C-alpha atoms as a PDB file:
ATOM      1  CA  MET A   1     -33.953  21.077 -53.846  1.00  0.00           C
ATOM      2  CA  ALA A   2     -33.781  21.684 -50.381  1.00  0.00           C
ATOM      3  CA  TRP A   3     -33.026  24.700 -48.547  1.00  0.00           C
ATOM      4  CA  ALA A   4     -30.858  24.319 -45.115  1.00  0.00           C
ATOM      5  CA  ILE A   5     -30.486  27.171 -42.554  1.00  0.00           C
ATOM      6  CA  ASP A   6     -29.354  27.484 -39.209  1.00  0.00           C
ATOM      7  CA  MET A   7     -31.677  30.076 -37.624  1.00  0.00           C
ATOM      8  CA  THR A   8     -35.074  30.297 -36.716  1.00  0.00           C
ATOM      9  CA  SER A   9     -35.361  33.667 -35.621  1.00  0.00           C
ATOM     10  CA  GLY A  10     -36.982  36.943 -37.054  1.00  0.00           C
ATOM     11  CA  GLU A  11     -34.233  37.255 -39.427  1.00  0.00           C
ATOM     12  CA  SER A  12     -35.169  34.229 -41.246  1.00  0.00           C
ATOM     13  CA  ALA A  13     -38.841  34.594 -41.283  1.00  0.00           C
ATOM     14  CA  LEU A  14     -39.070  36.155 -44.780  1.00  0.00           C
ATOM     15  CA  LEU A  15     -36.611  33.257 -46.214  1.00  0.00           C
ATOM     16  CA  LEU A  16     -38.874  30.820 -44.576  1.00  0.00           C
ATOM     17  CA  ALA A  17     -42.276  32.094 -45.772  1.00  0.00           C
ATOM     18  CA  LEU A  18     -40.896  32.367 -49.372  1.00  0.00           C
ATOM     19  CA  ARG A  19     -39.551  28.802 -49.614  1.00  0.00           C
ATOM     20  CA  ILE A  20     -42.531  27.329 -47.771  1.00  0.00           C
ATOM     21  CA  GLY A  21     -44.788  29.531 -49.840  1.00  0.00           C
ATOM     22  CA  HIS A  22     -43.333  28.063 -53.100  1.00  0.00           C
ATOM     23  CA  ASP A  23     -43.518  24.277 -51.662  1.00  0.00           C
ATOM     24  CA  GLN A  24     -39.857  24.040 -51.231  1.00  0.00           C
ATOM     25  CA  GLU A  25     -38.024  22.002 -48.697  1.00  0.00           C
ATOM     26  CA  VAL A  26     -36.585  23.805 -46.005  1.00  0.00           C
ATOM     27  CA  LEU A  27     -34.407  21.872 -43.457  1.00  0.00           C
ATOM     28  CA  TYR A  28     -33.216  23.209 -40.293  1.00  0.00           C
ATOM     29  CA  ILE A  29     -29.939  22.386 -38.662  1.00  0.00           C
ATOM     30  CA  SER A  30     -29.129  23.421 -35.210  1.00  0.00           C
ATOM     31  CA  GLY A  31     -26.431  25.676 -34.273  1.00  0.00           C
ATOM     32  CA  ARG A  32     -25.233  23.199 -31.940  1.00  0.00           C
ATOM     33  CA  LEU A  33     -24.949  20.420 -34.657  1.00  0.00           C
ATOM     34  CA  VAL A  34     -23.207  22.964 -37.092  1.00  0.00           C
ATOM     35  CA  ASN A  35     -20.709  23.532 -34.373  1.00  0.00           C
ATOM     36  CA  ARG A  36     -20.313  19.864 -33.257  1.00  0.00           C
ATOM     37  CA  ALA A  37     -20.088  18.721 -37.086  1.00  0.00           C
ATOM     38  CA  SER A  38     -17.239  21.443 -37.815  1.00  0.00           C
ATOM     39  CA  ASP A  39     -14.913  19.516 -35.600  1.00  0.00           C
ATOM     40  CA  GLY A  40     -14.698  16.870 -38.126  1.00  0.00           C
ATOM     41  CA  TYR A  41     -13.665  19.103 -40.980  1.00  0.00           C
ATOM     42  CA  ARG A  42     -10.355  20.375 -42.067  1.00  0.00           C
ATOM     43  CA  GLY A  43      -9.280  23.860 -41.103  1.00  0.00           C
ATOM     44  CA  LYS A  44      -9.360  25.862 -38.183  1.00  0.00           C
ATOM     45  CA  GLY A  45     -11.606  28.725 -36.800  1.00  0.00           C
ATOM     46  CA  LYS A  46     -15.090  29.797 -37.297  1.00  0.00           C
ATOM     47  CA  THR A  47     -16.338  31.583 -40.620  1.00  0.00           C
ATOM     48  CA  ASP A  48     -19.163  32.078 -42.196  1.00  0.00           C
ATOM     49  CA  ALA A  49     -18.215  30.275 -45.475  1.00  0.00           C
ATOM     50  CA  ARG A  50     -17.238  27.268 -43.438  1.00  0.00           C
ATOM     51  CA  ASP A  51     -20.280  27.164 -41.437  1.00  0.00           C
ATOM     52  CA  ALA A  52     -22.108  27.422 -45.043  1.00  0.00           C
ATOM     53  CA  TYR A  53     -20.059  24.501 -46.111  1.00  0.00           C
ATOM     54  CA  VAL A  54     -20.719  22.709 -43.026  1.00  0.00           C
ATOM     55  CA  ILE A  55     -24.467  23.197 -43.140  1.00  0.00           C
ATOM     56  CA  ALA A  56     -24.681  22.351 -47.003  1.00  0.00           C
ATOM     57  CA  ASP A  57     -22.942  19.034 -46.142  1.00  0.00           C
ATOM     58  CA  GLN A  58     -25.041  18.093 -43.067  1.00  0.00           C
ATOM     59  CA  ALA A  59     -28.092  18.676 -45.355  1.00  0.00           C
ATOM     60  CA  ARG A  60     -27.227  16.011 -47.745  1.00  0.00           C
ATOM     61  CA  MET A  61     -27.011  13.312 -45.143  1.00  0.00           C
ATOM     62  CA  PRO A  62     -30.067  10.960 -44.633  1.00  0.00           C
ATOM     63  CA  PRO A  63     -32.609  12.926 -42.632  1.00  0.00           C
ATOM     64  CA  ARG A  64     -32.142  10.617 -39.384  1.00  0.00           C
ATOM     65  CA  LEU A  65     -28.824  11.595 -39.181  1.00  0.00           C
ATOM     66  CA  ALA A  66     -28.589  15.503 -39.687  1.00  0.00           C
ATOM     67  CA  ALA A  67     -31.701  17.916 -40.635  1.00  0.00           C
ATOM     68  CA  HIS A  68     -35.190  18.482 -39.150  1.00  0.00           C
ATOM     69  CA  PRO A  69     -37.718  20.492 -40.784  1.00  0.00           C
ATOM     70  CA  PRO A  70     -38.025  23.737 -38.837  1.00  0.00           C
ATOM     71  CA  GLN A  71     -41.043  24.115 -36.042  1.00  0.00           C
END
């Protein structure tokens, strides 16, 4: 199982440390990618639920197309 996130700032540090410490894959989906990808999904407006759906959907794509490990 992989975890996908769209933030790399201090708020995510604990989450990243726990996931990486337990040898779990963590993927970073940039905010720009989420924003651009959202245009291809039905519905209007920006919500956390919609962003979560887009992030999860993008994380399922082959690595060369979507997500990158955090640096």
